[in-house]
Amino acid sequence: MLLEPKFGGCNRLAEILGDVSHDSINRFLLRERYEPKDLFETAQNIITLEGGILSIDDTVIEKPYSDPKSTKLIGRFWSGKYHKTIIGLNLITLYYSDINGNSVPLNYRIYDREEGKTKNQYFREMMTEIMNWGVKQKIVTGDSWYSGVENLKFLRNQKLVFLFAVKKNRTVSSKPQKYCAVEIMEVSDEGIITHLKEFRFIKLFRKVLKKDDSRHYILYLPNSEELGETTRSQFVTIHDTHWGIENFHRAIKQVCEICRFMVRNTNAIKTHIFCSLQAFVKLELMRSEKIIGTWYQVQRNMFTLVIREHIFANLQSDAMAEST
C-alpha cells in the first residue's frame, strides 16, 4: 500500500511478494475480524495515555466509481473538500496527540447505515470505550458537527475539558434571557465568558478567516471560575493541535492508500481499513523514533531511488551507444 504507486488489489500484491497467491491475500481480507481495540493495542505503545488532546472528526473515503447498491458500507456523504455529497465510506476517528508530540488514531468507526446510529452516537460510544481502556486525555476537541447539546452534556457529565467549533447561528447570552447568535456577538481577541443556550457558561473565541469570514469556538471547563484565566495563546495551541487530525486524514489517503481497495465484501473492506490505519501507526512509530522525518518520507525515498536508478541507467545506455 505504501509503495505501489498505481496498481492495487490482491493480484498485484501477490506479484510483488512472489511466493504468495492472490487467493491467500483475498482469504486474509475475508477471514480476519479486526476490531478498533486491536488498533488501540498497537497505538498505545507509542503514546503517553495521560494529558494529551483527543480530537473527533470524520472523513469520506472516496469511491466515486462504486455502486452504493452493491456494497453495504458505500453511500453518499457530505465532503468538506468538495463541498457536496460524494460516493464513498465515512470513517469516524478519535485521534490522540500526546504531550510528547506523538499522534495516533485510538478508536474508529466505519459508518454503517444498517446499524441505525448517527455519527454523534458513534462519537459517544467511542469516547466511553477509550476511557474504559485507560485514556486520560486533558482536552477533547471537535468541529461543529459534534458540538450538539447532547454531546456537550455527555462530556460535561464525564467532567472533561473541551473545545468545539460551533455554527454561527448558535445562541449565547451575556445577560439573563437575552440570547443572540455568536456571529453578531462582540468577542474580544482574548474571548468572552458567556452562557451557551441549553448548556452552561463557556468561553467564546472567534477566529477570523479570509474573505471576512470567521469561525467560533467554545471552551468548557468543569470549574467555570477558571475560564477567565484561559488566554488566546492557549486557545490557539489547542486549536492548532486539533488540526493535526486533518493532516492524519490526508496521510492515510495519500500514503496509506486507504481509498484503494477493490473488494465489495464488508469484512474485506473493514480489514483493508484496519490495515491502512495500522500502517499509519507504524509510520508514526518510525517518525517518533526519528527513523524518518515525516510520514511521507518512506514513499518519497523509494520513488527517489527508483527514478535515480532509471535515469542513471538511461544515461549509461546513451553513453555506451555514443561510444560505439
Protein backbone atom coordinates (compact mmCIF):
# COMPACT_ATOMS: atom_id res chain seq x y z
CA MET A 1 0.00 0.00 0.00
CA LEU A 2 2.81 2.42 0.84
CA LEU A 3 4.99 1.86 -2.20
CA GLU A 4 2.81 0.73 -5.13
CA PRO A 5 2.09 4.00 -6.98
CA LYS A 6 -0.53 2.84 -9.48
CA PHE A 7 -1.88 -0.70 -9.25
CA GLY A 8 -3.70 -2.07 -6.22
CA GLY A 9 -5.50 -5.28 -5.46
CA CYS A 10 -4.73 -8.83 -4.41
CA ASN A 11 -3.15 -9.85 -7.73
CA ARG A 12 -0.63 -7.00 -7.66
CA LEU A 13 0.34 -7.68 -4.05
CA ALA A 14 0.80 -11.38 -4.83
CA GLU A 15 3.00 -10.42 -7.79
CA ILE A 16 5.16 -8.21 -5.58
CA LEU A 17 5.51 -10.77 -2.78
CA GLY A 18 6.27 -13.53 -5.24
CA ASP A 19 5.60 -16.63 -3.13
CA VAL A 20 2.05 -15.72 -2.01
CA SER A 21 -1.03 -16.34 -4.13
CA HIS A 22 -3.69 -13.70 -4.65
CA ASP A 23 -6.23 -16.16 -3.21
CA SER A 24 -4.29 -16.18 0.08
CA ILE A 25 -4.47 -12.40 0.28
CA ASN A 26 -8.16 -12.41 -0.56
CA ARG A 27 -8.82 -15.04 2.10
CA PHE A 28 -6.91 -12.90 4.61
CA LEU A 29 -9.17 -9.93 3.88
CA LEU A 30 -12.28 -12.06 4.22
CA ARG A 31 -11.15 -14.08 7.23
CA GLU A 32 -9.86 -11.54 9.73
CA ARG A 33 -12.14 -9.77 12.18
CA TYR A 34 -10.07 -6.87 13.47
CA GLU A 35 -11.72 -4.52 15.96
CA PRO A 36 -10.88 -0.93 16.96
CA LYS A 37 -9.44 -2.28 20.22
CA ASP A 38 -6.79 -4.09 18.12
CA LEU A 39 -5.64 -0.75 16.70
CA PHE A 40 -5.54 0.75 20.20
CA GLU A 41 -3.38 -2.12 21.46
CA THR A 42 -0.72 -1.16 18.92
CA ALA A 43 -1.11 2.61 19.15
CA GLN A 44 -0.87 2.79 22.94
CA ASN A 45 2.76 1.65 22.80
CA ILE A 46 3.74 4.88 21.05
CA ILE A 47 2.00 7.47 23.21
CA THR A 48 1.57 8.71 26.75
CA LEU A 49 -2.06 8.00 27.58
CA GLU A 50 -2.45 10.87 30.04
CA GLY A 51 -2.54 14.62 29.45
CA GLY A 52 -2.97 14.74 25.66
CA ILE A 53 -5.57 16.22 23.32
CA LEU A 54 -8.24 13.92 21.88
CA SER A 55 -9.87 15.03 18.61
CA ILE A 56 -13.02 13.75 16.93
CA ASP A 57 -13.63 14.12 13.20
CA ASP A 58 -14.71 12.12 10.18
CA THR A 59 -13.63 11.91 6.56
CA VAL A 60 -15.05 10.45 3.38
CA ILE A 61 -13.01 7.67 1.80
CA GLU A 62 -13.78 8.46 -1.83
CA LYS A 63 -15.07 5.65 -4.07
CA PRO A 64 -16.61 7.62 -6.96
CA TYR A 65 -16.99 4.60 -9.27
CA SER A 66 -18.58 2.27 -6.72
CA ASP A 67 -22.27 1.41 -6.66
CA PRO A 68 -23.87 2.01 -3.23
CA LYS A 69 -26.44 -0.67 -4.07
CA SER A 70 -23.85 -3.41 -4.40
CA THR A 71 -21.60 -2.58 -1.42
CA LYS A 72 -23.07 -2.31 2.06
CA LEU A 73 -20.80 0.38 3.51
CA ILE A 74 -20.75 2.61 0.42
CA GLY A 75 -23.09 5.59 0.42
CA ARG A 76 -23.34 9.31 -0.23
CA PHE A 77 -21.69 11.54 2.37
CA TRP A 78 -21.02 15.25 2.61
CA SER A 79 -17.42 16.15 1.78
CA GLY A 80 -15.87 19.33 3.11
CA LYS A 81 -13.19 19.03 0.44
CA TYR A 82 -15.65 19.02 -2.48
CA HIS A 83 -18.43 20.94 -0.70
CA LYS A 84 -21.04 18.44 -1.85
CA THR A 85 -22.10 14.85 -1.26
CA ILE A 86 -19.86 12.24 -2.84
CA ILE A 87 -19.84 8.44 -3.03
CA GLY A 88 -17.64 6.65 -0.54
CA LEU A 89 -17.28 5.38 3.02
CA ASN A 90 -17.47 7.57 6.10
CA LEU A 91 -14.63 6.99 8.59
CA ILE A 92 -15.08 8.45 12.09
CA THR A 93 -11.92 8.67 14.17
CA LEU A 94 -10.75 9.61 17.65
CA TYR A 95 -7.24 10.93 17.11
CA TYR A 96 -4.90 11.49 20.06
CA SER A 97 -1.95 13.88 20.34
CA ASP A 98 0.14 13.27 23.43
CA ILE A 99 2.33 15.62 25.49
CA ASN A 100 5.46 14.45 23.65
CA GLY A 101 4.21 15.34 20.17
CA ASN A 102 3.20 11.84 19.07
CA SER A 103 -0.18 11.43 17.38
CA VAL A 104 -2.17 8.29 16.52
CA PRO A 105 -5.75 7.15 15.92
CA LEU A 106 -7.05 5.38 19.04
CA ASN A 107 -10.58 4.40 18.04
CA TYR A 108 -12.67 4.46 14.89
CA ARG A 109 -15.93 3.50 13.28
CA ILE A 110 -16.98 2.95 9.67
CA TYR A 111 -20.45 4.40 9.26
CA ASP A 112 -22.96 1.61 8.68
CA ARG A 113 -26.48 2.74 7.89
CA GLU A 114 -27.87 -0.65 8.91
CA GLU A 115 -26.75 -0.07 12.49
CA GLY A 116 -29.15 2.87 12.71
CA LYS A 117 -26.67 5.07 14.59
CA THR A 118 -25.68 8.67 13.97
CA LYS A 119 -22.10 9.93 13.88
CA ASN A 120 -22.75 11.59 17.23
CA GLN A 121 -23.80 8.27 18.74
CA TYR A 122 -20.65 6.68 17.38
CA PHE A 123 -18.64 9.51 19.00
CA ARG A 124 -20.15 8.97 22.46
CA GLU A 125 -19.72 5.22 22.09
CA MET A 126 -16.04 5.56 21.16
CA MET A 127 -15.41 8.04 23.98
CA THR A 128 -16.84 5.60 26.51
CA GLU A 129 -14.63 2.83 25.14
CA ILE A 130 -11.33 4.70 25.26
CA MET A 131 -11.98 5.95 28.78
CA ASN A 132 -12.55 2.33 29.77
CA TRP A 133 -9.28 1.47 28.02
CA GLY A 134 -7.39 3.83 30.31
CA VAL A 135 -7.00 7.00 28.23
CA LYS A 136 -6.93 10.13 30.39
CA GLN A 137 -6.93 12.99 27.91
CA LYS A 138 -6.65 16.56 29.12
CA ILE A 139 -8.88 18.10 26.44
CA VAL A 140 -11.41 16.89 23.85
CA THR A 141 -11.75 18.82 20.58
CA GLY A 142 -14.07 18.65 17.59
CA ASP A 143 -15.74 20.59 14.80
CA SER A 144 -19.28 21.98 14.78
CA TRP A 145 -20.85 18.71 13.63
CA TYR A 146 -20.06 17.19 17.04
CA SER A 147 -20.95 20.22 19.18
CA GLY A 148 -24.62 19.40 19.66
CA VAL A 149 -26.05 19.83 23.16
CA GLU A 150 -26.31 16.08 23.75
CA ASN A 151 -22.59 15.61 23.07
CA LEU A 152 -21.64 18.60 25.20
CA LYS A 153 -23.69 17.36 28.14
CA PHE A 154 -22.16 13.91 27.76
CA LEU A 155 -18.65 15.37 28.01
CA ARG A 156 -19.70 17.62 30.90
CA ASN A 157 -21.02 14.60 32.81
CA GLN A 158 -17.59 12.98 32.34
CA LYS A 159 -16.04 16.15 33.86
CA LEU A 160 -13.97 16.71 30.72
CA VAL A 161 -12.48 19.92 29.34
CA PHE A 162 -13.38 20.51 25.71
CA LEU A 163 -13.01 22.95 22.81
CA PHE A 164 -15.51 22.64 19.96
CA ALA A 165 -16.35 24.73 16.94
CA VAL A 166 -19.95 25.92 16.81
CA LYS A 167 -22.07 27.12 13.92
CA LYS A 168 -22.57 30.85 13.59
CA ASN A 169 -26.27 30.62 14.49
CA ARG A 170 -25.68 29.03 17.93
CA THR A 171 -27.09 31.34 20.59
CA VAL A 172 -25.37 32.70 23.67
CA SER A 173 -26.27 35.23 26.33
CA SER A 174 -24.27 37.64 28.45
CA LYS A 175 -27.47 38.92 30.04
CA PRO A 176 -30.28 36.78 31.52
CA GLN A 177 -32.84 35.69 28.90
CA LYS A 178 -31.24 37.84 26.18
CA TYR A 179 -29.73 35.48 23.62
CA CYS A 180 -28.14 36.27 20.29
CA ALA A 181 -26.24 34.38 17.58
CA VAL A 182 -22.50 34.08 18.11
CA GLU A 183 -21.84 35.73 14.74
CA ILE A 184 -23.21 39.07 15.97
CA MET A 185 -21.75 38.84 19.46
CA GLU A 186 -18.94 41.23 20.29
CA VAL A 187 -15.96 38.99 21.01
CA SER A 188 -12.61 40.35 22.11
CA ASP A 189 -9.37 38.80 20.97
CA GLU A 190 -9.00 37.10 24.37
CA GLY A 191 -12.52 35.67 24.14
CA ILE A 192 -15.55 36.32 26.34
CA ILE A 193 -17.33 34.31 29.01
CA THR A 194 -20.98 33.81 28.11
CA HIS A 195 -23.85 31.36 28.56
CA LEU A 196 -24.49 28.84 25.80
CA LYS A 197 -28.20 28.17 25.40
CA GLU A 198 -29.35 24.85 26.90
CA PHE A 199 -25.89 24.32 28.38
CA ARG A 200 -23.70 26.30 30.78
CA PHE A 201 -21.18 29.09 30.87
CA ILE A 202 -18.40 28.76 28.32
CA LYS A 203 -15.66 30.93 26.88
CA LEU A 204 -16.30 32.01 23.31
CA PHE A 205 -13.43 32.59 20.89
CA ARG A 206 -13.56 33.93 17.37
CA LYS A 207 -11.06 33.05 14.65
CA VAL A 208 -11.12 35.40 11.67
CA LEU A 209 -10.60 33.71 8.30
CA LYS A 210 -10.11 35.02 4.80
CA LYS A 211 -12.89 36.80 2.87
CA ASP A 212 -14.29 38.42 6.03
CA ASP A 213 -15.45 35.04 7.30
CA SER A 214 -14.97 33.75 10.82
CA ARG A 215 -15.36 30.64 12.95
CA HIS A 216 -16.44 30.38 16.55
CA TYR A 217 -15.24 28.03 19.26
CA ILE A 218 -16.50 27.27 22.75
CA LEU A 219 -14.21 26.25 25.60
CA TYR A 220 -15.70 24.49 28.61
CA LEU A 221 -14.01 23.82 31.94
CA PRO A 222 -15.62 21.82 34.75
CA ASN A 223 -14.56 24.64 37.07
CA SER A 224 -16.14 27.67 35.40
CA GLU A 225 -14.15 30.05 37.62
CA GLU A 226 -11.02 29.08 35.66
CA LEU A 227 -12.49 30.18 32.32
CA GLY A 228 -11.29 33.74 32.80
CA GLU A 229 -7.69 32.53 33.14
CA THR A 230 -7.66 30.93 29.68
CA THR A 231 -5.69 33.02 27.18
CA ARG A 232 -5.79 33.46 23.44
CA SER A 233 -2.42 31.72 23.22
CA GLN A 234 -3.80 28.63 24.95
CA PHE A 235 -6.79 28.59 22.60
CA VAL A 236 -4.51 28.79 19.54
CA THR A 237 -2.36 25.93 20.84
CA ILE A 238 -5.37 23.67 21.36
CA HIS A 239 -6.88 24.65 18.01
CA ASP A 240 -3.64 24.00 16.12
CA THR A 241 -3.23 20.61 17.79
CA HIS A 242 -6.76 19.67 16.75
CA TRP A 243 -5.84 20.50 13.16
CA GLY A 244 -3.49 17.51 13.24
CA ILE A 245 -6.45 15.23 12.55
CA GLU A 246 -6.78 16.87 9.12
CA ASN A 247 -3.14 16.04 8.41
CA PHE A 248 -3.87 12.49 9.51
CA HIS A 249 -6.77 12.26 7.03
CA ARG A 250 -4.51 13.38 4.19
CA ALA A 251 -1.77 10.92 5.15
CA ILE A 252 -4.00 7.84 5.27
CA LYS A 253 -5.26 8.70 1.78
CA GLN A 254 -2.01 9.80 0.17
CA VAL A 255 0.43 7.43 1.86
CA CYS A 256 -1.51 4.55 3.41
CA GLU A 257 -3.83 4.20 0.38
CA ILE A 258 -6.96 3.78 2.45
CA CYS A 259 -9.13 4.56 -0.59
CA ARG A 260 -7.56 1.88 -2.80
CA PHE A 261 -9.47 -1.32 -2.17
CA MET A 262 -11.01 -3.49 -4.88
CA VAL A 263 -13.35 -5.66 -2.84
CA ARG A 264 -17.08 -5.45 -2.13
CA ASN A 265 -17.39 -7.79 0.81
CA THR A 266 -18.00 -5.88 4.06
CA ASN A 267 -15.49 -7.86 6.13
CA ALA A 268 -12.82 -7.50 3.44
CA ILE A 269 -13.34 -3.72 3.36
CA LYS A 270 -13.10 -3.49 7.15
CA THR A 271 -9.85 -5.49 7.11
CA HIS A 272 -8.39 -3.17 4.47
CA ILE A 273 -9.36 -0.07 6.51
CA PHE A 274 -7.79 -1.55 9.63
CA CYS A 275 -4.55 -2.38 7.78
CA SER A 276 -4.32 1.17 6.42
CA LEU A 277 -4.74 2.64 9.90
CA GLN A 278 -2.22 0.16 11.26
CA ALA A 279 0.22 1.25 8.54
CA PHE A 280 -0.17 4.86 9.68
CA VAL A 281 0.58 3.87 13.28
CA LYS A 282 3.76 2.13 12.08
CA LEU A 283 4.81 5.28 10.22
CA GLU A 284 4.19 7.39 13.33
CA LEU A 285 6.31 4.95 15.34
CA MET A 286 9.15 5.36 12.83
CA ARG A 287 8.77 9.13 12.98
CA SER A 288 8.73 9.18 16.80
CA GLU A 289 11.92 7.09 16.84
CA LYS A 290 13.49 9.50 14.31
CA ILE A 291 13.95 6.77 11.70
CA ILE A 292 12.06 9.05 9.31
CA GLY A 293 11.34 12.77 9.44
CA THR A 294 7.78 12.70 8.09
CA TRP A 295 5.08 10.16 7.28
CA TYR A 296 5.76 10.74 3.58
CA GLN A 297 9.47 10.01 3.66
CA VAL A 298 9.40 6.22 3.13
CA GLN A 299 7.31 6.53 0.00
CA ARG A 300 9.21 9.57 -1.29
CA ASN A 301 12.63 7.98 -0.76
CA MET A 302 11.59 4.78 -2.53
CA PHE A 303 10.47 6.69 -5.60
CA THR A 304 13.61 8.83 -5.47
CA LEU A 305 15.87 5.77 -5.59
CA VAL A 306 13.88 4.14 -8.41
CA ILE A 307 13.83 7.31 -10.51
CA ARG A 308 17.53 7.94 -9.88
CA GLU A 309 18.49 4.40 -10.92
CA HIS A 310 16.32 4.68 -14.03
CA ILE A 311 17.93 7.98 -15.05
CA PHE A 312 21.46 6.71 -14.45
CA ALA A 313 20.73 3.51 -16.36
CA ASN A 314 19.48 5.52 -19.35
CA LEU A 315 22.47 7.85 -19.21
CA GLN A 316 24.87 4.91 -19.18
CA SER A 317 22.99 3.30 -22.06
CA ASP A 318 23.16 6.53 -24.08
CA ALA A 319 26.86 6.93 -23.31
CA MET A 320 27.59 3.38 -24.46
CA ALA A 321 25.59 3.93 -27.64
CA GLU A 322 27.55 7.13 -28.43
CA SER A 323 30.91 5.44 -27.78
CA THR A 324 30.11 2.74 -30.32
